[in-house]
Structures are given as structure tokens and as C-alpha cells.
Amino acid sequence: IKAYGMRNKVNYYSGTITAIYPNIFTIKSPNYEKSFSYA
């Protein structure tokens, strides 16, 4: 996942999709767990 943030900052995340919810999904890697929305 390539996430565009404020002030042209770009974050990169890689992991496994672990859960699906009505409005978000989560990915997990050994170092973190992060959620993102479909929007």
C-alpha cells in the first residue's frame, strides 16, 4: 500500500490483509497492524 499524506509525504506499507469490515480493512506485518478505508 502506498499512502499519500499531508505535505506530499508518502508512506509505504506491506503486509497481509487480515480482516474485512463494512467500512475498513486491516493489514498486518510483523511490525504493525494498520487499517484503511475503502473510501
PDB file of all heavy atoms in Angstrom:
ATOM      1  N   ILE A   1       0.838  -1.191   0.000  1.00  0.00           N
ATOM      2  CA  ILE A   1       0.000   0.000   0.000  1.00  0.00           C
ATOM      3  C   ILE A   1       0.874   1.242   0.000  1.00  0.00           C
ATOM      4  O   ILE A   1       1.824   1.344   0.776  1.00  0.00           O
ATOM      5  CB  ILE A   1      -0.953   0.003   1.209  1.00  0.00           C
ATOM      6  CG1 ILE A   1      -1.930  -1.160   1.067  1.00  0.00           C
ATOM      7  CG2 ILE A   1      -1.686   1.337   1.317  1.00  0.00           C
ATOM      8  CD1 ILE A   1      -2.948  -1.269   2.153  1.00  0.00           C
ATOM      9  N   LYS A   2       0.532   2.139  -0.886  1.00  0.00           N
ATOM     10  CA  LYS A   2       1.208   3.431  -0.975  1.00  0.00           C
ATOM     11  C   LYS A   2       0.184   4.470  -0.502  1.00  0.00           C
ATOM     12  O   LYS A   2      -0.855   4.653  -1.136  1.00  0.00           O
ATOM     13  CB  LYS A   2       1.613   3.690  -2.424  1.00  0.00           C
ATOM     14  CG  LYS A   2       2.407   4.932  -2.658  1.00  0.00           C
ATOM     15  CD  LYS A   2       2.786   5.009  -4.145  1.00  0.00           C
ATOM     16  CE  LYS A   2       3.688   6.171  -4.431  1.00  0.00           C
ATOM     17  NZ  LYS A   2       4.044   6.222  -5.863  1.00  0.00           N
ATOM     18  N   ALA A   3       0.468   5.106   0.639  1.00  0.00           N
ATOM     19  CA  ALA A   3      -0.466   6.059   1.230  1.00  0.00           C
ATOM     20  C   ALA A   3       0.078   7.474   1.087  1.00  0.00           C
ATOM     21  O   ALA A   3       1.200   7.757   1.502  1.00  0.00           O
ATOM     22  CB  ALA A   3      -0.685   5.730   2.696  1.00  0.00           C
ATOM     23  N   TYR A   4      -0.736   8.341   0.499  1.00  0.00           N
ATOM     24  CA  TYR A   4      -0.356   9.734   0.315  1.00  0.00           C
ATOM     25  C   TYR A   4      -0.846  10.537   1.516  1.00  0.00           C
ATOM     26  O   TYR A   4      -2.022  10.501   1.857  1.00  0.00           O
ATOM     27  CB  TYR A   4      -0.975  10.290  -0.971  1.00  0.00           C
ATOM     28  CG  TYR A   4      -0.513   9.552  -2.196  1.00  0.00           C
ATOM     29  CD1 TYR A   4      -1.258   8.516  -2.744  1.00  0.00           C
ATOM     30  CD2 TYR A   4       0.691   9.874  -2.802  1.00  0.00           C
ATOM     31  CE1 TYR A   4      -0.825   7.840  -3.870  1.00  0.00           C
ATOM     32  CE2 TYR A   4       1.136   9.201  -3.917  1.00  0.00           C
ATOM     33  CZ  TYR A   4       0.366   8.186  -4.448  1.00  0.00           C
ATOM     34  OH  TYR A   4       0.799   7.508  -5.550  1.00  0.00           O
ATOM     35  N   GLY A   5       0.060  11.252   2.156  1.00  0.00           N
ATOM     36  CA  GLY A   5      -0.290  12.024   3.339  1.00  0.00           C
ATOM     37  C   GLY A   5      -0.195  13.513   3.093  1.00  0.00           C
ATOM     38  O   GLY A   5      -0.174  13.985   1.959  1.00  0.00           O
ATOM     39  N   MET A   6      -0.100  14.240   4.172  1.00  0.00           N
ATOM     40  CA  MET A   6      -0.017  15.694   4.110  1.00  0.00           C
ATOM     41  C   MET A   6       1.378  16.124   3.635  1.00  0.00           C
ATOM     42  O   MET A   6       2.358  15.426   3.856  1.00  0.00           O
ATOM     43  CB  MET A   6      -0.284  16.294   5.483  1.00  0.00           C
ATOM     44  CG  MET A   6      -1.633  15.923   6.072  1.00  0.00           C
ATOM     45  SD  MET A   6      -3.021  16.554   5.130  1.00  0.00           S
ATOM     46  CE  MET A   6      -2.970  18.251   5.607  1.00  0.00           C
ATOM     47  N   ARG A   7       1.419  17.281   3.002  1.00  0.00           N
ATOM     48  CA  ARG A   7       2.676  17.889   2.549  1.00  0.00           C
ATOM     49  C   ARG A   7       3.502  16.956   1.661  1.00  0.00           C
ATOM     50  O   ARG A   7       4.707  16.823   1.817  1.00  0.00           O
ATOM     51  CB  ARG A   7       3.491  18.358   3.736  1.00  0.00           C
ATOM     52  CG  ARG A   7       2.781  19.403   4.540  1.00  0.00           C
ATOM     53  CD  ARG A   7       3.626  19.922   5.628  1.00  0.00           C
ATOM     54  NE  ARG A   7       2.834  20.854   6.428  1.00  0.00           N
ATOM     55  CZ  ARG A   7       3.297  21.603   7.373  1.00  0.00           C
ATOM     56  NH1 ARG A   7       4.567  21.553   7.684  1.00  0.00           N
ATOM     57  NH2 ARG A   7       2.524  22.397   8.047  1.00  0.00           N
ATOM     58  N   ASN A   8       2.836  16.293   0.767  1.00  0.00           N
ATOM     59  CA  ASN A   8       3.472  15.400  -0.204  1.00  0.00           C
ATOM     60  C   ASN A   8       4.246  14.247   0.428  1.00  0.00           C
ATOM     61  O   ASN A   8       5.173  13.717  -0.172  1.00  0.00           O
ATOM     62  CB  ASN A   8       4.381  16.194  -1.145  1.00  0.00           C
ATOM     63  CG  ASN A   8       3.608  17.192  -1.959  1.00  0.00           C
ATOM     64  OD1 ASN A   8       2.466  16.939  -2.324  1.00  0.00           O
ATOM     65  ND2 ASN A   8       4.204  18.325  -2.238  1.00  0.00           N
ATOM     66  N   LYS A   9       3.892  13.879   1.627  1.00  0.00           N
ATOM     67  CA  LYS A   9       4.539  12.742   2.285  1.00  0.00           C
ATOM     68  C   LYS A   9       3.884  11.451   1.806  1.00  0.00           C
ATOM     69  O   LYS A   9       2.661  11.364   1.723  1.00  0.00           O
ATOM     70  CB  LYS A   9       4.398  12.879   3.799  1.00  0.00           C
ATOM     71  CG  LYS A   9       5.125  11.809   4.556  1.00  0.00           C
ATOM     72  CD  LYS A   9       5.039  12.047   6.047  1.00  0.00           C
ATOM     73  CE  LYS A   9       5.771  10.942   6.772  1.00  0.00           C
ATOM     74  NZ  LYS A   9       5.615  11.078   8.225  1.00  0.00           N
ATOM     75  N   VAL A  10       4.702  10.474   1.500  1.00  0.00           N
ATOM     76  CA  VAL A  10       4.210   9.183   1.043  1.00  0.00           C
ATOM     77  C   VAL A  10       4.734   8.110   1.983  1.00  0.00           C
ATOM     78  O   VAL A  10       5.928   8.050   2.270  1.00  0.00           O
ATOM     79  CB  VAL A  10       4.677   8.888  -0.406  1.00  0.00           C
ATOM     80  CG1 VAL A  10       4.185   7.535  -0.867  1.00  0.00           C
ATOM     81  CG2 VAL A  10       4.205   9.975  -1.347  1.00  0.00           C
ATOM     82  N   ASN A  11       3.818   7.264   2.461  1.00  0.00           N
ATOM     83  CA  ASN A  11       4.185   6.138   3.323  1.00  0.00           C
ATOM     84  C   ASN A  11       3.918   4.840   2.581  1.00  0.00           C
ATOM     85  O   ASN A  11       2.933   4.730   1.847  1.00  0.00           O
ATOM     86  CB  ASN A  11       3.373   6.161   4.621  1.00  0.00           C
ATOM     87  CG  ASN A  11       3.694   7.354   5.473  1.00  0.00           C
ATOM     88  OD1 ASN A  11       4.857   7.674   5.667  1.00  0.00           O
ATOM     89  ND2 ASN A  11       2.674   8.021   5.975  1.00  0.00           N
ATOM     90  N   TYR A  12       4.775   3.874   2.802  1.00  0.00           N
ATOM     91  CA  TYR A  12       4.623   2.566   2.174  1.00  0.00           C
ATOM     92  C   TYR A  12       4.394   1.519   3.257  1.00  0.00           C
ATOM     93  O   TYR A  12       5.085   1.513   4.278  1.00  0.00           O
ATOM     94  CB  TYR A  12       5.886   2.210   1.381  1.00  0.00           C
ATOM     95  CG  TYR A  12       6.134   3.153   0.232  1.00  0.00           C
ATOM     96  CD1 TYR A  12       6.940   4.273   0.381  1.00  0.00           C
ATOM     97  CD2 TYR A  12       5.558   2.925  -1.009  1.00  0.00           C
ATOM     98  CE1 TYR A  12       7.168   5.143  -0.664  1.00  0.00           C
ATOM     99  CE2 TYR A  12       5.779   3.792  -2.073  1.00  0.00           C
ATOM    100  CZ  TYR A  12       6.583   4.898  -1.888  1.00  0.00           C
ATOM    101  OH  TYR A  12       6.796   5.748  -2.936  1.00  0.00           O
ATOM    102  N   TYR A  13       3.414   0.665   3.022  1.00  0.00           N
ATOM    103  CA  TYR A  13       3.107  -0.418   3.946  1.00  0.00           C
ATOM    104  C   TYR A  13       2.996  -1.705   3.146  1.00  0.00           C
ATOM    105  O   TYR A  13       2.486  -1.708   2.023  1.00  0.00           O
ATOM    106  CB  TYR A  13       1.774  -0.169   4.658  1.00  0.00           C
ATOM    107  CG  TYR A  13       1.711   1.139   5.401  1.00  0.00           C
ATOM    108  CD1 TYR A  13       1.111   2.258   4.836  1.00  0.00           C
ATOM    109  CD2 TYR A  13       2.267   1.265   6.667  1.00  0.00           C
ATOM    110  CE1 TYR A  13       1.056   3.457   5.514  1.00  0.00           C
ATOM    111  CE2 TYR A  13       2.220   2.467   7.356  1.00  0.00           C
ATOM    112  CZ  TYR A  13       1.608   3.553   6.768  1.00  0.00           C
ATOM    113  OH  TYR A  13       1.564   4.747   7.446  1.00  0.00           O
ATOM    114  N   SER A  14       3.474  -2.781   3.723  1.00  0.00           N
ATOM    115  CA  SER A  14       3.277  -4.086   3.096  1.00  0.00           C
ATOM    116  C   SER A  14       2.932  -5.078   4.188  1.00  0.00           C
ATOM    117  O   SER A  14       3.432  -4.992   5.309  1.00  0.00           O
ATOM    118  CB  SER A  14       4.519  -4.528   2.321  1.00  0.00           C
ATOM    119  OG  SER A  14       5.606  -4.666   3.198  1.00  0.00           O
ATOM    120  N   GLY A  15       2.038  -5.979   3.864  1.00  0.00           N
ATOM    121  CA  GLY A  15       1.606  -6.971   4.832  1.00  0.00           C
ATOM    122  C   GLY A  15       0.512  -7.836   4.240  1.00  0.00           C
ATOM    123  O   GLY A  15       0.290  -7.851   3.034  1.00  0.00           O
ATOM    124  N   THR A  16      -0.179  -8.530   5.113  1.00  0.00           N
ATOM    125  CA  THR A  16      -1.239  -9.454   4.727  1.00  0.00           C
ATOM    126  C   THR A  16      -2.581  -8.873   5.134  1.00  0.00           C
ATOM    127  O   THR A  16      -2.731  -8.378   6.253  1.00  0.00           O
ATOM    128  CB  THR A  16      -1.035 -10.807   5.428  1.00  0.00           C
ATOM    129  OG1 THR A  16       0.266 -11.288   5.108  1.00  0.00           O
ATOM    130  CG2 THR A  16      -2.061 -11.824   4.985  1.00  0.00           C
ATOM    131  N   ILE A  17      -3.562  -8.937   4.246  1.00  0.00           N
ATOM    132  CA  ILE A  17      -4.910  -8.489   4.608  1.00  0.00           C
ATOM    133  C   ILE A  17      -5.473  -9.511   5.591  1.00  0.00           C
ATOM    134  O   ILE A  17      -5.632 -10.681   5.265  1.00  0.00           O
ATOM    135  CB  ILE A  17      -5.811  -8.374   3.367  1.00  0.00           C
ATOM    136  CG1 ILE A  17      -5.262  -7.336   2.403  1.00  0.00           C
ATOM    137  CG2 ILE A  17      -7.243  -8.021   3.791  1.00  0.00           C
ATOM    138  CD1 ILE A  17      -6.040  -7.225   1.104  1.00  0.00           C
ATOM    139  N   THR A  18      -5.754  -9.049   6.815  1.00  0.00           N
ATOM    140  CA  THR A  18      -6.170  -9.971   7.866  1.00  0.00           C
ATOM    141  C   THR A  18      -7.646  -9.898   8.194  1.00  0.00           C
ATOM    142  O   THR A  18      -8.201 -10.873   8.694  1.00  0.00           O
ATOM    143  CB  THR A  18      -5.378  -9.715   9.162  1.00  0.00           C
ATOM    144  OG1 THR A  18      -5.531  -8.355   9.533  1.00  0.00           O
ATOM    145  CG2 THR A  18      -3.915 -10.046   8.974  1.00  0.00           C
ATOM    146  N   ALA A  19      -8.295  -8.782   7.949  1.00  0.00           N
ATOM    147  CA  ALA A  19      -9.706  -8.656   8.309  1.00  0.00           C
ATOM    148  C   ALA A  19     -10.425  -7.720   7.348  1.00  0.00           C
ATOM    149  O   ALA A  19      -9.844  -6.756   6.854  1.00  0.00           O
ATOM    150  CB  ALA A  19      -9.836  -8.136   9.728  1.00  0.00           C
ATOM    151  N   ILE A  20     -11.697  -8.029   7.120  1.00  0.00           N
ATOM    152  CA  ILE A  20     -12.554  -7.220   6.275  1.00  0.00           C
ATOM    153  C   ILE A  20     -13.749  -6.788   7.129  1.00  0.00           C
ATOM    154  O   ILE A  20     -14.406  -7.615   7.747  1.00  0.00           O
ATOM    155  CB  ILE A  20     -13.078  -8.045   5.070  1.00  0.00           C
ATOM    156  CG1 ILE A  20     -11.928  -8.635   4.263  1.00  0.00           C
ATOM    157  CG2 ILE A  20     -14.026  -7.232   4.220  1.00  0.00           C
ATOM    158  CD1 ILE A  20     -11.134  -7.651   3.479  1.00  0.00           C
ATOM    159  N   TYR A  21     -14.003  -5.492   7.164  1.00  0.00           N
ATOM    160  CA  TYR A  21     -15.130  -4.940   7.904  1.00  0.00           C
ATOM    161  C   TYR A  21     -15.989  -4.129   6.943  1.00  0.00           C
ATOM    162  O   TYR A  21     -15.578  -3.876   5.808  1.00  0.00           O
ATOM    163  CB  TYR A  21     -14.620  -4.051   9.045  1.00  0.00           C
ATOM    164  CG  TYR A  21     -13.795  -4.807  10.062  1.00  0.00           C
ATOM    165  CD1 TYR A  21     -12.411  -4.692  10.069  1.00  0.00           C
ATOM    166  CD2 TYR A  21     -14.391  -5.643  11.001  1.00  0.00           C
ATOM    167  CE1 TYR A  21     -11.641  -5.383  10.995  1.00  0.00           C
ATOM    168  CE2 TYR A  21     -13.636  -6.335  11.939  1.00  0.00           C
ATOM    169  CZ  TYR A  21     -12.261  -6.205  11.930  1.00  0.00           C
ATOM    170  OH  TYR A  21     -11.511  -6.894  12.841  1.00  0.00           O
ATOM    171  N   PRO A  22     -17.186  -3.701   7.379  1.00  0.00           N
ATOM    172  CA  PRO A  22     -18.060  -2.962   6.444  1.00  0.00           C
ATOM    173  C   PRO A  22     -17.430  -1.713   5.833  1.00  0.00           C
ATOM    174  O   PRO A  22     -17.665  -1.417   4.664  1.00  0.00           O
ATOM    175  CB  PRO A  22     -19.264  -2.588   7.316  1.00  0.00           C
ATOM    176  CG  PRO A  22     -19.304  -3.638   8.363  1.00  0.00           C
ATOM    177  CD  PRO A  22     -17.858  -3.989   8.640  1.00  0.00           C
ATOM    178  N   ASN A  23     -16.595  -0.980   6.593  1.00  0.00           N
ATOM    179  CA  ASN A  23     -16.034   0.262   6.066  1.00  0.00           C
ATOM    180  C   ASN A  23     -14.519   0.277   5.963  1.00  0.00           C
ATOM    181  O   ASN A  23     -13.964   1.185   5.359  1.00  0.00           O
ATOM    182  CB  ASN A  23     -16.474   1.443   6.938  1.00  0.00           C
ATOM    183  CG  ASN A  23     -17.964   1.651   6.873  1.00  0.00           C
ATOM    184  OD1 ASN A  23     -18.553   1.580   5.811  1.00  0.00           O
ATOM    185  ND2 ASN A  23     -18.575   1.889   8.009  1.00  0.00           N
ATOM    186  N   ILE A  24     -13.849  -0.688   6.563  1.00  0.00           N
ATOM    187  CA  ILE A  24     -12.382  -0.714   6.562  1.00  0.00           C
ATOM    188  C   ILE A  24     -11.876  -2.132   6.352  1.00  0.00           C
ATOM    189  O   ILE A  24     -12.616  -3.108   6.484  1.00  0.00           O
ATOM    190  CB  ILE A  24     -11.793  -0.144   7.869  1.00  0.00           C
ATOM    191  CG1 ILE A  24     -12.186  -1.014   9.068  1.00  0.00           C
ATOM    192  CG2 ILE A  24     -12.184   1.296   8.073  1.00  0.00           C
ATOM    193  CD1 ILE A  24     -11.441  -0.683  10.342  1.00  0.00           C
ATOM    194  N   PHE A  25     -10.580  -2.224   6.050  1.00  0.00           N
ATOM    195  CA  PHE A  25      -9.873  -3.499   6.039  1.00  0.00           C
ATOM    196  C   PHE A  25      -8.550  -3.283   6.751  1.00  0.00           C
ATOM    197  O   PHE A  25      -8.056  -2.170   6.847  1.00  0.00           O
ATOM    198  CB  PHE A  25      -9.671  -4.035   4.613  1.00  0.00           C
ATOM    199  CG  PHE A  25      -8.817  -3.163   3.736  1.00  0.00           C
ATOM    200  CD1 PHE A  25      -7.461  -3.436   3.571  1.00  0.00           C
ATOM    201  CD2 PHE A  25      -9.355  -2.091   3.051  1.00  0.00           C
ATOM    202  CE1 PHE A  25      -6.664  -2.646   2.761  1.00  0.00           C
ATOM    203  CE2 PHE A  25      -8.575  -1.290   2.229  1.00  0.00           C
ATOM    204  CZ  PHE A  25      -7.220  -1.571   2.091  1.00  0.00           C
ATOM    205  N   THR A  26      -7.984  -4.358   7.289  1.00  0.00           N
ATOM    206  CA  THR A  26      -6.734  -4.237   8.028  1.00  0.00           C
ATOM    207  C   THR A  26      -5.657  -5.081   7.377  1.00  0.00           C
ATOM    208  O   THR A  26      -5.932  -6.139   6.805  1.00  0.00           O
ATOM    209  CB  THR A  26      -6.888  -4.674   9.497  1.00  0.00           C
ATOM    210  OG1 THR A  26      -7.289  -6.034   9.543  1.00  0.00           O
ATOM    211  CG2 THR A  26      -7.906  -3.823  10.220  1.00  0.00           C
ATOM    212  N   ILE A  27      -4.428  -4.578   7.471  1.00  0.00           N
ATOM    213  CA  ILE A  27      -3.276  -5.361   7.044  1.00  0.00           C
ATOM    214  C   ILE A  27      -2.359  -5.520   8.251  1.00  0.00           C
ATOM    215  O   ILE A  27      -2.332  -4.673   9.141  1.00  0.00           O
ATOM    216  CB  ILE A  27      -2.519  -4.729   5.860  1.00  0.00           C
ATOM    217  CG1 ILE A  27      -1.872  -3.408   6.247  1.00  0.00           C
ATOM    218  CG2 ILE A  27      -3.414  -4.563   4.659  1.00  0.00           C
ATOM    219  CD1 ILE A  27      -0.817  -2.936   5.267  1.00  0.00           C
ATOM    220  N   LYS A  28      -1.643  -6.617   8.260  1.00  0.00           N
ATOM    221  CA  LYS A  28      -0.757  -6.897   9.379  1.00  0.00           C
ATOM    222  C   LYS A  28       0.590  -7.345   8.850  1.00  0.00           C
ATOM    223  O   LYS A  28       0.677  -8.125   7.912  1.00  0.00           O
ATOM    224  CB  LYS A  28      -1.359  -7.988  10.258  1.00  0.00           C
ATOM    225  CG  LYS A  28      -0.613  -8.208  11.545  1.00  0.00           C
ATOM    226  CD  LYS A  28      -1.349  -9.174  12.447  1.00  0.00           C
ATOM    227  CE  LYS A  28      -0.637  -9.257  13.778  1.00  0.00           C
ATOM    228  NZ  LYS A  28      -1.347 -10.122  14.714  1.00  0.00           N
ATOM    229  N   SER A  29       1.633  -6.818   9.470  1.00  0.00           N
ATOM    230  CA  SER A  29       3.002  -7.250   9.198  1.00  0.00           C
ATOM    231  C   SER A  29       3.627  -7.558  10.558  1.00  0.00           C
ATOM    232  O   SER A  29       3.012  -7.291  11.588  1.00  0.00           O
ATOM    233  CB  SER A  29       3.780  -6.169   8.456  1.00  0.00           C
ATOM    234  OG  SER A  29       4.198  -5.172   9.337  1.00  0.00           O
ATOM    235  N   PRO A  30       4.835  -8.075  10.592  1.00  0.00           N
ATOM    236  CA  PRO A  30       5.454  -8.366  11.890  1.00  0.00           C
ATOM    237  C   PRO A  30       5.621  -7.133  12.776  1.00  0.00           C
ATOM    238  O   PRO A  30       5.637  -7.250  13.996  1.00  0.00           O
ATOM    239  CB  PRO A  30       6.819  -8.946  11.515  1.00  0.00           C
ATOM    240  CG  PRO A  30       6.642  -9.473  10.142  1.00  0.00           C
ATOM    241  CD  PRO A  30       5.630  -8.588   9.476  1.00  0.00           C
ATOM    242  N   ASN A  31       5.715  -5.943  12.200  1.00  0.00           N
ATOM    243  CA  ASN A  31       5.987  -4.740  12.972  1.00  0.00           C
ATOM    244  C   ASN A  31       4.764  -3.907  13.326  1.00  0.00           C
ATOM    245  O   ASN A  31       4.825  -3.086  14.235  1.00  0.00           O
ATOM    246  CB  ASN A  31       6.972  -3.845  12.213  1.00  0.00           C
ATOM    247  CG  ASN A  31       8.270  -4.558  11.947  1.00  0.00           C
ATOM    248  OD1 ASN A  31       8.689  -5.403  12.715  1.00  0.00           O
ATOM    249  ND2 ASN A  31       8.898  -4.235  10.833  1.00  0.00           N
ATOM    250  N   TYR A  32       3.663  -4.059  12.607  1.00  0.00           N
ATOM    251  CA  TYR A  32       2.500  -3.199  12.829  1.00  0.00           C
ATOM    252  C   TYR A  32       1.231  -3.832  12.294  1.00  0.00           C
ATOM    253  O   TYR A  32       1.266  -4.792  11.521  1.00  0.00           O
ATOM    254  CB  TYR A  32       2.705  -1.828  12.176  1.00  0.00           C
ATOM    255  CG  TYR A  32       3.029  -1.912  10.698  1.00  0.00           C
ATOM    256  CD1 TYR A  32       2.032  -2.039   9.747  1.00  0.00           C
ATOM    257  CD2 TYR A  32       4.336  -1.872  10.244  1.00  0.00           C
ATOM    258  CE1 TYR A  32       2.333  -2.135   8.402  1.00  0.00           C
ATOM    259  CE2 TYR A  32       4.649  -1.957   8.903  1.00  0.00           C
ATOM    260  CZ  TYR A  32       3.631  -2.080   7.989  1.00  0.00           C
ATOM    261  OH  TYR A  32       3.930  -2.182   6.662  1.00  0.00           O
ATOM    262  N   GLU A  33       0.107  -3.262  12.722  1.00  0.00           N
ATOM    263  CA  GLU A  33      -1.191  -3.576  12.158  1.00  0.00           C
ATOM    264  C   GLU A  33      -1.839  -2.240  11.806  1.00  0.00           C
ATOM    265  O   GLU A  33      -1.870  -1.324  12.617  1.00  0.00           O
ATOM    266  CB  GLU A  33      -2.053  -4.340  13.150  1.00  0.00           C
ATOM    267  CG  GLU A  33      -3.335  -4.837  12.547  1.00  0.00           C
ATOM    268  CD  GLU A  33      -4.067  -5.823  13.436  1.00  0.00           C
ATOM    269  OE1 GLU A  33      -3.653  -6.027  14.588  1.00  0.00           O
ATOM    270  OE2 GLU A  33      -5.054  -6.380  12.957  1.00  0.00           O
ATOM    271  N   LYS A  34      -2.332  -2.117  10.586  1.00  0.00           N
ATOM    272  CA  LYS A  34      -2.807  -0.833  10.090  1.00  0.00           C
ATOM    273  C   LYS A  34      -4.152  -1.041   9.402  1.00  0.00           C
ATOM    274  O   LYS A  34      -4.371  -2.057   8.750  1.00  0.00           O
ATOM    275  CB  LYS A  34      -1.770  -0.301   9.084  1.00  0.00           C
ATOM    276  CG  LYS A  34      -1.989   1.072   8.612  1.00  0.00           C
ATOM    277  CD  LYS A  34      -1.356   2.061   9.553  1.00  0.00           C
ATOM    278  CE  LYS A  34      -1.440   3.442   8.913  1.00  0.00           C
ATOM    279  NZ  LYS A  34      -1.731   4.469   9.848  1.00  0.00           N
ATOM    280  N   SER A  35      -5.056  -0.084   9.542  1.00  0.00           N
ATOM    281  CA  SER A  35      -6.358  -0.184   8.888  1.00  0.00           C
ATOM    282  C   SER A  35      -6.521   0.929   7.860  1.00  0.00           C
ATOM    283  O   SER A  35      -5.976   2.030   8.013  1.00  0.00           O
ATOM    284  CB  SER A  35      -7.480  -0.120   9.919  1.00  0.00           C
ATOM    285  OG  SER A  35      -7.477   1.109  10.581  1.00  0.00           O
ATOM    286  N   PHE A  36      -7.276   0.637   6.825  1.00  0.00           N
ATOM    287  CA  PHE A  36      -7.547   1.577   5.742  1.00  0.00           C
ATOM    288  C   PHE A  36      -9.015   1.480   5.369  1.00  0.00           C
ATOM    289  O   PHE A  36      -9.619   0.417   5.488  1.00  0.00           O
ATOM    290  CB  PHE A  36      -6.701   1.253   4.508  1.00  0.00           C
ATOM    291  CG  PHE A  36      -5.224   1.299   4.760  1.00  0.00           C
ATOM    292  CD1 PHE A  36      -4.518   0.149   5.055  1.00  0.00           C
ATOM    293  CD2 PHE A  36      -4.546   2.506   4.697  1.00  0.00           C
ATOM    294  CE1 PHE A  36      -3.163   0.185   5.294  1.00  0.00           C
ATOM    295  CE2 PHE A  36      -3.177   2.552   4.938  1.00  0.00           C
ATOM    296  CZ  PHE A  36      -2.490   1.397   5.235  1.00  0.00           C
ATOM    297  N   SER A  37      -9.570   2.565   4.885  1.00  0.00           N
ATOM    298  CA  SER A  37     -10.974   2.543   4.472  1.00  0.00           C
ATOM    299  C   SER A  37     -11.065   2.361   2.956  1.00  0.00           C
ATOM    300  O   SER A  37     -10.136   2.680   2.217  1.00  0.00           O
ATOM    301  CB  SER A  37     -11.689   3.824   4.900  1.00  0.00           C
ATOM    302  OG  SER A  37     -11.279   4.905   4.113  1.00  0.00           O
ATOM    303  N   TYR A  38     -12.216   1.864   2.537  1.00  0.00           N
ATOM    304  CA  TYR A  38     -12.448   1.706   1.105  1.00  0.00           C
ATOM    305  C   TYR A  38     -12.552   3.071   0.436  1.00  0.00           C
ATOM    306  O   TYR A  38     -12.194   3.234  -0.721  1.00  0.00           O
ATOM    307  CB  TYR A  38     -13.719   0.884   0.867  1.00  0.00           C
ATOM    308  CG  TYR A  38     -13.692  -0.453   1.574  1.00  0.00           C
ATOM    309  CD1 TYR A  38     -14.551  -0.727   2.623  1.00  0.00           C
ATOM    310  CD2 TYR A  38     -12.769  -1.425   1.221  1.00  0.00           C
ATOM    311  CE1 TYR A  38     -14.509  -1.939   3.287  1.00  0.00           C
ATOM    312  CE2 TYR A  38     -12.711  -2.640   1.879  1.00  0.00           C
ATOM    313  CZ  TYR A  38     -13.594  -2.886   2.905  1.00  0.00           C
ATOM    314  OH  TYR A  38     -13.535  -4.083   3.565  1.00  0.00           O
ATOM    315  N   ALA A  39     -13.010   4.072   1.183  1.00  0.00           N
ATOM    316  CA  ALA A  39     -13.108   5.437   0.651  1.00  0.00           C
ATOM    317  C   ALA A  39     -11.727   5.987   0.302  1.00  0.00           C
ATOM    318  O   ALA A  39     -11.598   6.773  -0.641  1.00  0.00           O
ATOM    319  CB  ALA A  39     -13.802   6.342   1.654  1.00  0.00           C
TER     320      ALA A  39
END
